Amino acid sequence: MSTQNHEKIILHPGDFCFTENPVHIHTLLGSCISITLWHPVSHIGGMCHFTLPKYMGKRLPNTKLDGRYAEDVMQMFKQEVAKRHTDITEYEAKIFGGGNMMRDSGENIDDTVGTRNAAAAMQLLMAEGVNILVAAVGEFGHRRLVFDVEKGEVWVRHIQKEADTNIKNSVA
């Protein structure tokens, strides 16, 4: 993945970026999830970094959307897609993260924050009719991502929690 002439944008938990510019969007994930959404004809798209499936408290009317929650992120994507006069079903999605960061906790692997986040991402995208090309989720450790909005490619570096010798690099 070439980095020439590409602005670098770094997403932290709760951040969201959607653009038509040829940028590289970077993030680091543990149990959080990043969804990339890319339009293969228009070469536009975005990425989020959410921390939880949904807000658990009571919301006040007219509360601003919050990028920390999957349900809000889906609404943010839909707003950006509508601004560009495209349909969300024209986009391709890739889902990353949802890692189990507590290998030795004895926690049920099917009930971790990461597992719930990954399930929420898949359910929300499927409900909107978005084609999911990749779901690199779960396992132990964290992932570094770089999303090339111009090409729709995502570079992933998965680092297992207990040893740096377990590094997997791939392009999705």
C-alpha atoms as a PDB file:
ATOM      1  CA  MET A   1       0.000   0.000   0.000  1.00  0.00           C
ATOM      2  CA  SER A   2       1.644   3.196  -1.161  1.00  0.00           C
ATOM      3  CA  THR A   3       1.483   6.183   1.189  1.00  0.00           C
ATOM      4  CA  GLN A   4       2.546   8.805  -1.355  1.00  0.00           C
ATOM      5  CA  ASN A   5       0.185  11.786  -1.695  1.00  0.00           C
ATOM      6  CA  HIS A   6      -2.217  10.455   0.910  1.00  0.00           C
ATOM      7  CA  GLU A   7      -3.236  12.388   3.984  1.00  0.00           C
ATOM      8  CA  LYS A   8      -3.073  10.288   7.163  1.00  0.00           C
ATOM      9  CA  ILE A   9      -6.131  10.366   9.435  1.00  0.00           C
ATOM     10  CA  ILE A  10      -5.997   8.609  12.800  1.00  0.00           C
ATOM     11  CA  LEU A  11      -9.210   7.334  14.394  1.00  0.00           C
ATOM     12  CA  HIS A  12      -9.475   6.916  18.155  1.00  0.00           C
ATOM     13  CA  PRO A  13     -12.353   5.145  19.925  1.00  0.00           C
ATOM     14  CA  GLY A  14     -15.602   6.885  19.028  1.00  0.00           C
ATOM     15  CA  ASP A  15     -14.151   8.590  15.924  1.00  0.00           C
ATOM     16  CA  PHE A  16     -15.762   8.481  12.488  1.00  0.00           C
ATOM     17  CA  CYS A  17     -14.504   9.608   9.081  1.00  0.00           C
ATOM     18  CA  PHE A  18     -16.245   9.573   5.696  1.00  0.00           C
ATOM     19  CA  THR A  19     -14.613  11.205   2.687  1.00  0.00           C
ATOM     20  CA  GLU A  20     -14.164  11.378  -1.055  1.00  0.00           C
ATOM     21  CA  ASN A  21     -10.494  12.353  -0.635  1.00  0.00           C
ATOM     22  CA  PRO A  22      -7.619   9.909  -1.281  1.00  0.00           C
ATOM     23  CA  VAL A  23      -6.690   9.433   2.371  1.00  0.00           C
ATOM     24  CA  HIS A  24      -5.351   6.631   4.531  1.00  0.00           C
ATOM     25  CA  ILE A  25      -7.377   6.148   7.701  1.00  0.00           C
ATOM     26  CA  HIS A  26      -5.488   4.469  10.561  1.00  0.00           C
ATOM     27  CA  THR A  27      -6.666   2.922  13.817  1.00  0.00           C
ATOM     28  CA  LEU A  28      -5.707   0.412  16.495  1.00  0.00           C
ATOM     29  CA  LEU A  29      -8.336  -2.074  17.700  1.00  0.00           C
ATOM     30  CA  GLY A  30      -8.728  -4.454  20.602  1.00  0.00           C
ATOM     31  CA  SER A  31     -12.300  -5.402  21.483  1.00  0.00           C
ATOM     32  CA  CYS A  32     -13.560  -2.368  19.516  1.00  0.00           C
ATOM     33  CA  ILE A  33     -14.773  -2.691  15.934  1.00  0.00           C
ATOM     34  CA  SER A  34     -13.962  -0.779  12.787  1.00  0.00           C
ATOM     35  CA  ILE A  35     -16.268  -0.944   9.814  1.00  0.00           C
ATOM     36  CA  THR A  36     -14.999   0.288   6.474  1.00  0.00           C
ATOM     37  CA  LEU A  37     -17.625   1.249   3.932  1.00  0.00           C
ATOM     38  CA  TRP A  38     -16.445   1.810   0.349  1.00  0.00           C
ATOM     39  CA  HIS A  39     -18.206   2.667  -2.907  1.00  0.00           C
ATOM     40  CA  PRO A  40     -16.420   0.714  -5.696  1.00  0.00           C
ATOM     41  CA  VAL A  41     -17.576   3.053  -8.488  1.00  0.00           C
ATOM     42  CA  SER A  42     -17.213   6.459  -6.826  1.00  0.00           C
ATOM     43  CA  HIS A  43     -14.142   5.499  -4.735  1.00  0.00           C
ATOM     44  CA  ILE A  44     -15.517   7.180  -1.622  1.00  0.00           C
ATOM     45  CA  GLY A  45     -15.975   5.743   1.808  1.00  0.00           C
ATOM     46  CA  GLY A  46     -15.354   5.863   5.474  1.00  0.00           C
ATOM     47  CA  MET A  47     -14.381   4.103   8.626  1.00  0.00           C
ATOM     48  CA  CYS A  48     -15.585   4.089  12.213  1.00  0.00           C
ATOM     49  CA  HIS A  49     -14.118   2.913  15.509  1.00  0.00           C
ATOM     50  CA  PHE A  50     -16.905   1.955  17.897  1.00  0.00           C
ATOM     51  CA  THR A  51     -16.587   0.583  21.414  1.00  0.00           C
ATOM     52  CA  LEU A  52     -20.016  -0.855  22.275  1.00  0.00           C
ATOM     53  CA  PRO A  53     -23.059  -2.208  20.407  1.00  0.00           C
ATOM     54  CA  LYS A  54     -25.493   0.371  21.810  1.00  0.00           C
ATOM     55  CA  TYR A  55     -26.016   3.042  24.411  1.00  0.00           C
ATOM     56  CA  MET A  56     -27.365   1.399  27.548  1.00  0.00           C
ATOM     57  CA  GLY A  57     -28.787   4.458  29.301  1.00  0.00           C
ATOM     58  CA  LYS A  58     -31.811   6.602  28.608  1.00  0.00           C
ATOM     59  CA  ARG A  59     -31.310   9.112  25.813  1.00  0.00           C
ATOM     60  CA  LEU A  60     -32.696  12.608  25.751  1.00  0.00           C
ATOM     61  CA  PRO A  61     -34.563  13.699  22.602  1.00  0.00           C
ATOM     62  CA  ASN A  62     -32.327  15.302  19.948  1.00  0.00           C
ATOM     63  CA  THR A  63     -29.193  13.715  21.419  1.00  0.00           C
ATOM     64  CA  LYS A  64     -26.266  13.932  18.999  1.00  0.00           C
ATOM     65  CA  LEU A  65     -25.138  10.640  17.452  1.00  0.00           C
ATOM     66  CA  ASP A  66     -22.179   9.124  19.288  1.00  0.00           C
ATOM     67  CA  GLY A  67     -19.470   7.221  17.376  1.00  0.00           C
ATOM     68  CA  ARG A  68     -18.779   5.026  20.389  1.00  0.00           C
ATOM     69  CA  TYR A  69     -21.922   2.981  19.677  1.00  0.00           C
ATOM     70  CA  ALA A  70     -22.609   0.673  16.717  1.00  0.00           C
ATOM     71  CA  GLU A  71     -26.241   1.753  16.344  1.00  0.00           C
ATOM     72  CA  ASP A  72     -25.207   5.412  16.127  1.00  0.00           C
ATOM     73  CA  VAL A  73     -22.375   4.657  13.716  1.00  0.00           C
ATOM     74  CA  MET A  74     -24.799   3.006  11.308  1.00  0.00           C
ATOM     75  CA  GLN A  75     -26.927   6.170  11.341  1.00  0.00           C
ATOM     76  CA  MET A  76     -23.789   8.260  10.731  1.00  0.00           C
ATOM     77  CA  PHE A  77     -22.880   6.098   7.723  1.00  0.00           C
ATOM     78  CA  LYS A  78     -26.414   6.415   6.356  1.00  0.00           C
ATOM     79  CA  GLN A  79     -26.311  10.212   6.702  1.00  0.00           C
ATOM     80  CA  GLU A  80     -22.972  10.448   4.856  1.00  0.00           C
ATOM     81  CA  VAL A  81     -24.156   8.100   2.112  1.00  0.00           C
ATOM     82  CA  ALA A  82     -27.326  10.177   1.619  1.00  0.00           C
ATOM     83  CA  LYS A  83     -25.287  13.423   1.424  1.00  0.00           C
ATOM     84  CA  ARG A  84     -23.460  11.912  -1.545  1.00  0.00           C
ATOM     85  CA  HIS A  85     -26.694  10.814  -3.275  1.00  0.00           C
ATOM     86  CA  THR A  86     -25.737   7.158  -3.157  1.00  0.00           C
ATOM     87  CA  ASP A  87     -27.493   4.155  -1.651  1.00  0.00           C
ATOM     88  CA  ILE A  88     -25.934   2.212   1.221  1.00  0.00           C
ATOM     89  CA  THR A  89     -26.514  -1.073  -0.657  1.00  0.00           C
ATOM     90  CA  GLU A  90     -24.020   0.125  -3.322  1.00  0.00           C
ATOM     91  CA  TYR A  91     -21.192   0.016  -0.769  1.00  0.00           C
ATOM     92  CA  GLU A  92     -18.891  -2.800   0.282  1.00  0.00           C
ATOM     93  CA  ALA A  93     -18.215  -3.350   3.968  1.00  0.00           C
ATOM     94  CA  LYS A  94     -15.305  -4.860   5.844  1.00  0.00           C
ATOM     95  CA  ILE A  95     -15.402  -5.510   9.590  1.00  0.00           C
ATOM     96  CA  PHE A  96     -12.324  -5.727  11.816  1.00  0.00           C
ATOM     97  CA  GLY A  97     -11.579  -6.075  15.525  1.00  0.00           C
ATOM     98  CA  GLY A  98     -13.662  -7.574  18.272  1.00  0.00           C
ATOM     99  CA  GLY A  99     -10.602  -9.211  19.774  1.00  0.00           C
ATOM    100  CA  ASN A 100     -10.689 -10.901  23.152  1.00  0.00           C
ATOM    101  CA  MET A 101      -8.327  -8.852  25.291  1.00  0.00           C
ATOM    102  CA  MET A 102      -8.811 -11.021  28.419  1.00  0.00           C
ATOM    103  CA  ARG A 103      -7.415 -14.428  27.452  1.00  0.00           C
ATOM    104  CA  ASP A 104      -6.877 -15.567  31.036  1.00  0.00           C
ATOM    105  CA  SER A 105     -10.019 -14.065  32.567  1.00  0.00           C
ATOM    106  CA  GLY A 106     -12.106 -17.243  32.295  1.00  0.00           C
ATOM    107  CA  GLU A 107     -14.756 -15.165  30.511  1.00  0.00           C
ATOM    108  CA  ASN A 108     -17.059 -17.086  28.182  1.00  0.00           C
ATOM    109  CA  ILE A 109     -15.619 -16.440  24.694  1.00  0.00           C
ATOM    110  CA  ASP A 110     -19.148 -16.115  23.275  1.00  0.00           C
ATOM    111  CA  ASP A 111     -19.990 -13.317  25.709  1.00  0.00           C
ATOM    112  CA  THR A 112     -17.060 -10.929  25.433  1.00  0.00           C
ATOM    113  CA  VAL A 113     -17.386  -7.262  24.503  1.00  0.00           C
ATOM    114  CA  GLY A 114     -15.544  -8.031  21.267  1.00  0.00           C
ATOM    115  CA  THR A 115     -17.929 -10.828  20.330  1.00  0.00           C
ATOM    116  CA  ARG A 116     -20.964  -8.646  21.029  1.00  0.00           C
ATOM    117  CA  ASN A 117     -19.439  -5.778  19.022  1.00  0.00           C
ATOM    118  CA  ALA A 118     -18.731  -8.022  16.022  1.00  0.00           C
ATOM    119  CA  ALA A 119     -22.263  -9.446  16.107  1.00  0.00           C
ATOM    120  CA  ALA A 120     -23.756  -5.933  16.251  1.00  0.00           C
ATOM    121  CA  ALA A 121     -21.697  -4.800  13.251  1.00  0.00           C
ATOM    122  CA  MET A 122     -22.764  -7.779  11.161  1.00  0.00           C
ATOM    123  CA  GLN A 123     -26.435  -7.514  12.133  1.00  0.00           C
ATOM    124  CA  LEU A 124     -26.633  -3.773  11.416  1.00  0.00           C
ATOM    125  CA  LEU A 125     -24.921  -4.064   8.020  1.00  0.00           C
ATOM    126  CA  MET A 126     -27.051  -7.056   6.981  1.00  0.00           C
ATOM    127  CA  ALA A 127     -30.228  -5.232   8.034  1.00  0.00           C
ATOM    128  CA  GLU A 128     -29.278  -2.426   5.622  1.00  0.00           C
ATOM    129  CA  GLY A 129     -28.474  -4.866   2.793  1.00  0.00           C
ATOM    130  CA  VAL A 130     -24.770  -3.988   2.701  1.00  0.00           C
ATOM    131  CA  ASN A 131     -22.455  -6.551   1.106  1.00  0.00           C
ATOM    132  CA  ILE A 132     -19.921  -7.687   3.736  1.00  0.00           C
ATOM    133  CA  LEU A 133     -16.719  -8.730   1.969  1.00  0.00           C
ATOM    134  CA  VAL A 134     -14.529  -9.387   5.004  1.00  0.00           C
ATOM    135  CA  ALA A 135     -15.148 -10.064   8.685  1.00  0.00           C
ATOM    136  CA  ALA A 136     -11.739 -10.391  10.356  1.00  0.00           C
ATOM    137  CA  VAL A 137     -12.991 -10.461  13.926  1.00  0.00           C
ATOM    138  CA  GLY A 138     -12.385 -12.248  17.199  1.00  0.00           C
ATOM    139  CA  GLU A 139      -9.283 -14.130  18.266  1.00  0.00           C
ATOM    140  CA  PHE A 140      -6.888 -12.781  20.881  1.00  0.00           C
ATOM    141  CA  GLY A 141      -4.814  -9.635  20.620  1.00  0.00           C
ATOM    142  CA  HIS A 142      -5.130  -6.376  18.754  1.00  0.00           C
ATOM    143  CA  ARG A 143      -5.136  -5.166  15.143  1.00  0.00           C
ATOM    144  CA  ARG A 144      -3.613  -2.175  13.401  1.00  0.00           C
ATOM    145  CA  LEU A 145      -5.562  -1.032  10.335  1.00  0.00           C
ATOM    146  CA  VAL A 146      -4.903   1.278   7.443  1.00  0.00           C
ATOM    147  CA  PHE A 147      -7.835   1.936   5.080  1.00  0.00           C
ATOM    148  CA  ASP A 148      -6.978   3.348   1.648  1.00  0.00           C
ATOM    149  CA  VAL A 149     -10.197   5.159   0.727  1.00  0.00           C
ATOM    150  CA  GLU A 150      -9.126   5.628  -2.896  1.00  0.00           C
ATOM    151  CA  LYS A 151      -8.634   1.889  -3.540  1.00  0.00           C
ATOM    152  CA  GLY A 152     -10.914   0.366  -0.911  1.00  0.00           C
ATOM    153  CA  GLU A 153      -8.050  -1.725   0.458  1.00  0.00           C
ATOM    154  CA  VAL A 154      -7.443  -2.355   4.138  1.00  0.00           C
ATOM    155  CA  TRP A 155      -4.033  -3.331   5.448  1.00  0.00           C
ATOM    156  CA  VAL A 156      -4.296  -5.347   8.675  1.00  0.00           C
ATOM    157  CA  ARG A 157      -1.627  -6.275  11.182  1.00  0.00           C
ATOM    158  CA  HIS A 158      -2.948  -8.697  13.811  1.00  0.00           C
ATOM    159  CA  ILE A 159      -0.755  -9.036  16.889  1.00  0.00           C
ATOM    160  CA  GLN A 160      -1.517 -11.876  19.275  1.00  0.00           C
ATOM    161  CA  LYS A 161      -1.645 -10.771  22.886  1.00  0.00           C
ATOM    162  CA  GLU A 162       0.921 -13.073  24.455  1.00  0.00           C
ATOM    163  CA  ALA A 163       3.784 -12.871  21.974  1.00  0.00           C
ATOM    164  CA  ASP A 164       4.932 -10.567  19.219  1.00  0.00           C
ATOM    165  CA  THR A 165       6.048 -13.665  17.326  1.00  0.00           C
ATOM    166  CA  ASN A 166       2.412 -14.256  16.396  1.00  0.00           C
ATOM    167  CA  ILE A 167       2.029 -11.405  13.915  1.00  0.00           C
ATOM    168  CA  LYS A 168      -0.212 -11.791  10.882  1.00  0.00           C
ATOM    169  CA  ASN A 169      -0.118  -9.229   8.075  1.00  0.00           C
ATOM    170  CA  SER A 170      -2.718  -9.194   5.339  1.00  0.00           C
ATOM    171  CA  VAL A 171      -4.535  -7.019   2.860  1.00  0.00           C
ATOM    172  CA  ALA A 172      -8.308  -7.273   2.788  1.00  0.00           C
END
